[in-house]
Amino acid sequence: MSLNPKLIVSALCLALAPCVARATIYFRNTGTTSGWSSFYVEHNGSVTAQSTPHYDTTTSLRARQIYDSSYTGRYHAEARYSQGAKQGWDRYYGYCFYLPSNWQYVDQNFNIMQFIGTPSCATGGQPWTMLWIRNQALQTRITTGPDGCTRSDQNFTITSSTTLGTWHKVTIHGDWESNNTGWFSV
């Protein structure tokens, strides 16, 4: 499988207005550990539901890792949902993330979300796109190429100034195609 979308990266200002048609919701989570396909947690990590802070529900999902200077592996604390994107789908995705007031900005990537695909040449999943915090910036990337094995990444900054102690709303529109008719918008 190869994704080769035309790129449209834009900040969306959403105004809620009455819609003629109703959207289909394929997956929704209200900040709980229920409904996810799996959790992937390594070393000192955890994924838990907590009552504060929360956005518009009574709980939020907290993915946490604690740095250990003696540990040399990778750090993961993820809630996973299988079948979130598939070639030929045209879907919208929305979520919020919160940076606590004691968050320390550093010159290192902290992934918030990613879409994973498994091309025929790989033994495991490969990120097609992801969002991350680096310093104060929220960034994304897309991966394109003629097949799933010949890959080229392109990075984009969504905003250069995230805010501590604030919820950040993200909306993604992905038209997942294997030719140059697909697109990706954040």
Protein backbone atom coordinates (compact mmCIF):
# COMPACT_ATOMS: atom_id res chain seq x y z
CA MET A 1 0.00 0.00 0.00
CA SER A 2 1.34 3.42 -0.88
CA LEU A 3 -0.12 6.77 -0.03
CA ASN A 4 0.75 9.63 -2.31
CA PRO A 5 -1.56 12.49 -1.29
CA LYS A 6 -1.49 16.02 -2.54
CA LEU A 7 -0.76 18.10 0.48
CA ILE A 8 -3.01 20.69 1.96
CA VAL A 9 -1.93 21.69 5.44
CA SER A 10 -4.00 24.45 6.89
CA ALA A 11 -5.22 25.67 10.21
CA LEU A 12 -8.93 25.12 10.46
CA CYS A 13 -11.20 27.55 12.21
CA LEU A 14 -14.35 25.62 12.79
CA ALA A 15 -17.70 27.25 13.30
CA LEU A 16 -20.48 24.89 14.23
CA ALA A 17 -23.43 25.29 11.91
CA PRO A 18 -26.49 23.17 11.19
CA CYS A 19 -25.70 20.42 8.71
CA VAL A 20 -28.00 19.00 6.08
CA ALA A 21 -26.53 15.49 6.41
CA ARG A 22 -25.43 13.65 9.53
CA ALA A 23 -21.89 12.34 9.74
CA THR A 24 -21.19 8.73 10.58
CA ILE A 25 -19.11 8.31 13.73
CA TYR A 26 -16.93 5.22 13.39
CA PHE A 27 -15.12 5.56 16.72
CA ARG A 28 -15.51 7.88 19.68
CA ASN A 29 -13.84 7.85 23.05
CA THR A 30 -14.80 10.14 25.92
CA GLY A 31 -11.51 9.92 27.79
CA THR A 32 -11.72 6.34 29.03
CA THR A 33 -9.69 3.17 28.59
CA SER A 34 -12.72 1.42 27.04
CA GLY A 35 -13.13 0.83 23.31
CA TRP A 36 -9.47 0.97 22.26
CA SER A 37 -8.03 -1.93 20.26
CA SER A 38 -4.97 -2.16 22.51
CA PHE A 39 -2.48 -0.25 24.62
CA TYR A 40 1.25 -0.17 24.02
CA VAL A 41 3.22 0.84 27.11
CA GLU A 42 6.96 0.44 27.66
CA HIS A 43 9.25 0.86 30.67
CA ASN A 44 7.92 3.56 33.09
CA GLY A 45 4.83 4.38 31.05
CA SER A 46 1.11 4.30 31.72
CA VAL A 47 -2.20 5.02 30.01
CA THR A 48 -4.97 5.85 32.46
CA ALA A 49 -8.27 7.71 32.70
CA GLN A 50 -8.24 10.70 35.03
CA SER A 51 -10.83 13.19 36.22
CA THR A 52 -8.70 16.31 35.87
CA PRO A 53 -7.96 17.93 33.59
CA HIS A 54 -10.75 16.98 31.22
CA TYR A 55 -12.20 18.70 28.18
CA ASP A 56 -15.94 18.26 27.65
CA THR A 57 -16.45 14.95 29.45
CA THR A 58 -15.82 13.82 33.03
CA THR A 59 -12.50 12.13 32.27
CA SER A 60 -9.54 12.35 29.93
CA LEU A 61 -7.03 9.75 28.83
CA ARG A 62 -3.52 10.35 30.13
CA ALA A 63 -0.54 8.82 28.33
CA ARG A 64 2.55 9.28 30.46
CA GLN A 65 6.21 8.34 30.41
CA ILE A 66 8.77 9.02 33.13
CA TYR A 67 12.35 9.56 32.00
CA ASP A 68 14.96 7.14 33.32
CA SER A 69 18.59 8.05 32.55
CA SER A 70 19.65 4.37 32.80
CA TYR A 71 17.08 3.23 30.22
CA THR A 72 18.28 3.10 26.59
CA GLY A 73 15.12 1.86 24.89
CA ARG A 74 12.23 3.71 23.30
CA TYR A 75 9.39 5.25 25.26
CA HIS A 76 5.80 4.44 24.32
CA ALA A 77 2.54 5.05 26.18
CA GLU A 78 -0.19 4.74 23.57
CA ALA A 79 -3.86 3.96 23.17
CA ARG A 80 -4.34 2.26 19.81
CA TYR A 81 -7.34 1.99 17.54
CA SER A 82 -7.08 -0.46 14.63
CA GLN A 83 -8.62 0.37 11.27
CA GLY A 84 -8.50 4.15 11.76
CA ALA A 85 -7.46 4.79 8.18
CA LYS A 86 -7.57 2.66 5.07
CA GLN A 87 -6.72 3.20 1.44
CA GLY A 88 -9.74 4.69 -0.32
CA TRP A 89 -11.29 6.21 2.82
CA ASP A 90 -12.12 9.91 3.04
CA ARG A 91 -12.51 10.69 6.75
CA TYR A 92 -12.29 13.39 9.39
CA TYR A 93 -10.59 12.86 12.76
CA GLY A 94 -10.83 15.11 15.79
CA TYR A 95 -9.27 15.09 19.21
CA CYS A 96 -7.83 17.35 21.88
CA PHE A 97 -4.55 17.20 23.74
CA TYR A 98 -3.43 19.02 26.85
CA LEU A 99 0.04 20.22 27.81
CA PRO A 100 0.29 20.53 31.60
CA SER A 101 1.55 23.79 33.07
CA ASN A 102 4.75 22.05 34.22
CA TRP A 103 5.55 20.62 30.74
CA GLN A 104 9.19 21.21 29.80
CA TYR A 105 9.73 22.22 26.18
CA VAL A 106 12.85 20.59 24.75
CA ASP A 107 14.46 20.18 21.34
CA GLN A 108 13.18 16.62 20.91
CA ASN A 109 10.09 15.11 19.28
CA PHE A 110 7.20 14.03 21.52
CA ASN A 111 4.71 12.19 19.32
CA ILE A 112 1.05 12.84 20.04
CA MET A 113 -0.63 10.85 17.26
CA GLN A 114 0.30 8.74 14.27
CA PHE A 115 -1.29 6.71 11.51
CA ILE A 116 0.53 3.42 10.89
CA GLY A 117 0.51 1.27 7.76
CA THR A 118 2.34 -1.94 6.96
CA PRO A 119 3.72 -1.98 3.41
CA SER A 120 4.47 -5.33 1.78
CA CYS A 121 8.24 -4.77 2.15
CA ALA A 122 8.12 -4.22 5.93
CA THR A 123 7.81 -6.68 8.78
CA GLY A 124 6.16 -4.09 11.03
CA GLY A 125 4.17 -0.89 10.93
CA GLN A 126 5.51 2.30 9.39
CA PRO A 127 4.14 5.78 10.27
CA TRP A 128 2.45 7.41 7.27
CA THR A 129 1.77 10.59 9.17
CA MET A 130 2.12 11.81 12.73
CA LEU A 131 1.81 14.90 14.92
CA TRP A 132 4.40 15.85 17.51
CA ILE A 133 5.59 18.63 19.82
CA ARG A 134 9.18 19.83 19.42
CA ASN A 135 10.15 22.86 21.49
CA GLN A 136 6.90 24.89 21.39
CA ALA A 137 5.94 23.85 17.86
CA LEU A 138 3.20 21.44 16.82
CA GLN A 139 4.38 19.70 13.68
CA THR A 140 3.17 17.05 11.27
CA ARG A 141 4.52 15.06 8.37
CA ILE A 142 3.26 13.05 5.48
CA THR A 143 5.01 10.18 3.78
CA THR A 144 4.68 9.69 0.05
CA GLY A 145 6.28 7.53 -2.60
CA PRO A 146 5.57 5.23 -5.54
CA ASP A 147 5.10 2.26 -3.22
CA GLY A 148 5.15 1.58 0.51
CA CYS A 149 8.87 0.81 0.46
CA THR A 150 10.24 3.85 -1.39
CA ARG A 151 9.31 6.59 1.05
CA SER A 152 9.81 10.32 1.28
CA ASP A 153 8.82 12.37 4.34
CA GLN A 154 7.77 16.00 4.28
CA ASN A 155 7.47 17.93 7.58
CA PHE A 156 5.21 20.93 8.26
CA THR A 157 4.77 23.24 11.25
CA ILE A 158 1.12 23.70 12.22
CA THR A 159 1.89 26.29 14.89
CA SER A 160 5.15 27.48 16.39
CA SER A 161 3.63 28.38 19.75
CA THR A 162 1.67 25.79 21.70
CA THR A 163 0.51 26.91 25.14
CA LEU A 164 1.01 25.24 28.51
CA GLY A 165 -2.03 24.55 30.68
CA THR A 166 -4.31 24.67 27.62
CA TRP A 167 -6.34 22.20 25.58
CA HIS A 168 -5.40 22.15 21.89
CA LYS A 169 -8.08 20.99 19.41
CA VAL A 170 -6.94 19.14 16.30
CA THR A 171 -9.02 18.25 13.24
CA ILE A 172 -7.54 16.14 10.47
CA HIS A 173 -9.07 15.40 7.08
CA GLY A 174 -7.48 12.48 5.30
CA ASP A 175 -8.41 11.26 1.85
CA TRP A 176 -6.22 8.16 1.83
CA GLU A 177 -5.41 7.29 -1.78
CA SER A 178 -2.62 5.37 -3.50
CA ASN A 179 -2.28 7.95 -6.26
CA ASN A 180 -1.95 11.74 -6.45
CA THR A 181 -5.68 12.41 -5.89
CA GLY A 182 -5.58 12.01 -2.08
CA TRP A 183 -4.94 14.79 0.38
CA PHE A 184 -4.24 15.58 4.03
CA SER A 185 -5.37 18.64 5.97
CA VAL A 186 -4.71 19.61 9.61
